[in-house]
Amino acid sequence: MWYDYFLSNKNTAKRLGGELVDKIKALISDNVHLLDEIDNIKSMIHNDFRPANMIIDDKYNVYYVDWEFATYGHSLADIGQFSRYSSLFDDEDVKNFEQTYNSYANRKLPKNWHSLCKLRDLVNPLQMLGSEADKPIMYEDLKKIVEDTMKYFKHANL
């Protein structure tokens, strides 16, 4: 529902273009089963999970700050947001993340966690693209995120 809602925003549609909007709609339509899976994995989430909200001390302990938007929601949303810029991570990084996460977590990541995270996070740039503000550089970056996500799914084995 959120994907359709944000894609129907005139600003989002204009900034993405009709062809990309149609491809996103097809992706969502073809993967409703993944959305159902995402919806069944809920917990307390940070909701602004990104490197800027992490502090690392001299012993490499990581502390998460800025919890003002924390809420109950999709557990994979935080991971999706963190890995939004997937060009910064290689396959080894993704593998290490999964192994480390699963070694500490009470609930292990599902086998298709990376695809679920990417699909869940797609809704965020779509929402931000709908803004009335005049921020062309931000919108170019958000469109690139959407395009990169679509490229990921073009090559993913779902």
Protein backbone atom coordinates (compact mmCIF):
# COMPACT_ATOMS: atom_id res chain seq x y z
CA MET A 1 0.00 0.00 0.00
CA TRP A 2 2.80 2.45 0.88
CA TYR A 3 4.57 1.92 -2.43
CA ASP A 4 1.41 2.76 -4.40
CA TYR A 5 0.72 5.73 -2.17
CA PHE A 6 4.17 7.26 -2.61
CA LEU A 7 4.37 6.41 -6.33
CA SER A 8 1.06 8.19 -6.90
CA ASN A 9 2.55 11.43 -5.51
CA LYS A 10 2.96 13.83 -8.45
CA ASN A 11 6.42 14.95 -7.30
CA THR A 12 7.69 11.40 -6.90
CA ALA A 13 6.32 10.40 -10.31
CA LYS A 14 7.82 13.47 -11.97
CA ARG A 15 11.24 13.01 -10.35
CA LEU A 16 11.44 9.32 -11.24
CA GLY A 17 9.78 9.34 -14.63
CA GLY A 18 7.00 7.08 -15.86
CA GLU A 19 9.20 4.20 -16.99
CA LEU A 20 10.92 3.83 -13.61
CA VAL A 21 7.60 4.17 -11.75
CA ASP A 22 6.16 1.35 -13.90
CA LYS A 23 9.20 -0.87 -13.18
CA ILE A 24 8.84 -0.26 -9.43
CA LYS A 25 5.13 -1.11 -9.56
CA ALA A 26 5.94 -4.33 -11.41
CA LEU A 27 8.65 -5.22 -8.86
CA ILE A 28 6.23 -4.72 -5.98
CA SER A 29 3.42 -6.59 -7.73
CA ASP A 30 5.71 -9.53 -8.51
CA ASN A 31 7.02 -9.71 -4.94
CA VAL A 32 3.98 -9.33 -2.69
CA HIS A 33 5.06 -12.57 -1.00
CA LEU A 34 8.26 -10.81 0.13
CA LEU A 35 6.26 -7.91 1.54
CA ASP A 36 4.23 -10.42 3.55
CA GLU A 37 7.46 -11.93 4.83
CA ILE A 38 8.79 -8.48 5.81
CA ASP A 39 5.55 -7.74 7.62
CA ASN A 40 6.00 -10.83 9.80
CA ILE A 41 9.40 -9.74 11.13
CA LYS A 42 8.79 -6.95 13.63
CA SER A 43 10.58 -5.60 16.68
CA MET A 44 11.73 -2.36 18.25
CA ILE A 45 13.70 -0.43 15.62
CA HIS A 46 15.94 2.63 15.66
CA ASN A 47 14.32 4.16 12.55
CA ASP A 48 17.34 6.33 11.69
CA PHE A 49 20.00 3.63 11.57
CA ARG A 50 22.99 5.00 9.71
CA PRO A 51 26.69 5.57 10.35
CA ALA A 52 26.10 9.16 11.47
CA ASN A 53 24.23 7.77 14.49
CA MET A 54 27.01 5.43 15.56
CA ILE A 55 29.93 6.23 17.82
CA ILE A 56 32.95 3.94 17.95
CA ASP A 57 35.30 4.19 20.90
CA ASP A 58 39.04 3.47 21.00
CA LYS A 59 38.30 -0.23 21.72
CA TYR A 60 36.01 -0.48 18.67
CA ASN A 61 32.85 -0.72 20.75
CA VAL A 62 29.90 0.66 18.80
CA TYR A 63 27.28 2.86 20.47
CA TYR A 64 24.03 3.85 18.78
CA VAL A 65 22.70 7.35 19.44
CA ASP A 66 19.75 9.50 18.36
CA TRP A 67 16.89 7.23 19.41
CA GLU A 68 14.17 9.88 19.13
CA PHE A 69 12.44 8.13 16.20
CA ALA A 70 12.62 4.61 17.68
CA THR A 71 9.41 2.66 17.31
CA TYR A 72 7.95 -0.78 16.82
CA GLY A 73 8.22 -1.76 13.18
CA HIS A 74 9.84 -3.91 10.52
CA SER A 75 13.07 -5.31 11.94
CA LEU A 76 14.69 -5.29 8.52
CA ALA A 77 14.03 -1.57 8.02
CA ASP A 78 17.11 -0.52 9.98
CA ILE A 79 19.37 -2.89 8.08
CA GLY A 80 17.88 -1.74 4.79
CA GLN A 81 18.52 1.88 5.65
CA PHE A 82 22.06 1.14 6.77
CA SER A 83 22.87 -0.73 3.57
CA ARG A 84 21.06 1.73 1.29
CA TYR A 85 24.35 2.73 -0.27
CA SER A 86 25.19 -0.81 -1.29
CA SER A 87 27.95 0.39 -3.60
CA LEU A 88 29.99 0.95 -0.44
CA PHE A 89 29.79 -2.75 0.49
CA ASP A 90 31.28 -5.70 -1.35
CA ASP A 91 30.14 -9.32 -1.09
CA GLU A 92 32.63 -9.99 1.71
CA ASP A 93 31.21 -7.10 3.77
CA VAL A 94 27.67 -8.43 3.34
CA LYS A 95 28.76 -11.95 4.31
CA ASN A 96 30.62 -10.65 7.39
CA PHE A 97 27.60 -8.59 8.42
CA GLU A 98 25.30 -11.60 8.17
CA GLN A 99 27.64 -13.87 10.15
CA THR A 100 28.23 -11.28 12.87
CA TYR A 101 24.57 -10.34 13.14
CA ASN A 102 23.47 -13.96 13.40
CA SER A 103 26.12 -14.73 16.01
CA TYR A 104 24.62 -12.10 18.36
CA ALA A 105 20.93 -11.95 17.45
CA ASN A 106 18.18 -13.88 19.19
CA ARG A 107 16.29 -13.94 15.90
CA LYS A 108 18.54 -14.89 12.99
CA LEU A 109 18.27 -13.21 9.62
CA PRO A 110 16.21 -15.11 7.05
CA LYS A 111 18.19 -16.52 4.13
CA ASN A 112 16.83 -13.82 1.80
CA TRP A 113 17.41 -11.00 4.29
CA HIS A 114 19.36 -8.80 1.89
CA SER A 115 16.56 -8.76 -0.68
CA LEU A 116 13.96 -8.19 2.03
CA CYS A 117 15.97 -5.26 3.42
CA LYS A 118 16.43 -3.70 -0.01
CA LEU A 119 12.73 -4.04 -0.82
CA ARG A 120 11.67 -2.64 2.55
CA ASP A 121 14.03 0.32 2.26
CA LEU A 122 12.82 1.19 -1.24
CA VAL A 123 9.75 2.82 0.26
CA ASN A 124 11.87 5.44 2.08
CA PRO A 125 13.41 7.22 -0.93
CA LEU A 126 10.02 7.05 -2.66
CA GLN A 127 8.51 8.91 0.27
CA MET A 128 11.29 11.52 0.35
CA LEU A 129 11.00 12.11 -3.41
CA GLY A 130 7.45 13.34 -2.86
CA SER A 131 8.50 16.41 -0.90
CA GLU A 132 7.48 19.90 -2.01
CA ALA A 133 10.92 21.30 -1.11
CA ASP A 134 13.32 22.42 -3.84
CA LYS A 135 16.32 20.12 -3.29
CA PRO A 136 17.46 18.92 -6.72
CA ILE A 137 20.75 17.41 -5.51
CA MET A 138 18.96 15.39 -2.83
CA TYR A 139 16.40 14.18 -5.38
CA GLU A 140 19.15 13.10 -7.78
CA ASP A 141 20.73 11.09 -4.95
CA LEU A 142 17.40 9.53 -4.03
CA LYS A 143 16.67 8.62 -7.64
CA LYS A 144 20.10 6.99 -7.86
CA ILE A 145 19.28 4.94 -4.75
CA VAL A 146 16.03 3.81 -6.38
CA GLU A 147 17.81 2.96 -9.64
CA ASP A 148 20.51 1.01 -7.78
CA THR A 149 17.83 -0.92 -5.90
CA MET A 150 16.11 -1.75 -9.16
CA LYS A 151 19.44 -2.95 -10.61
CA TYR A 152 19.92 -5.16 -7.55
CA PHE A 153 16.52 -6.80 -8.11
CA LYS A 154 17.16 -7.21 -11.81
CA HIS A 155 20.07 -9.51 -10.89
CA ALA A 156 18.69 -11.03 -7.67
CA ASN A 157 17.45 -14.59 -7.61
CA LEU A 158 14.16 -14.26 -5.82
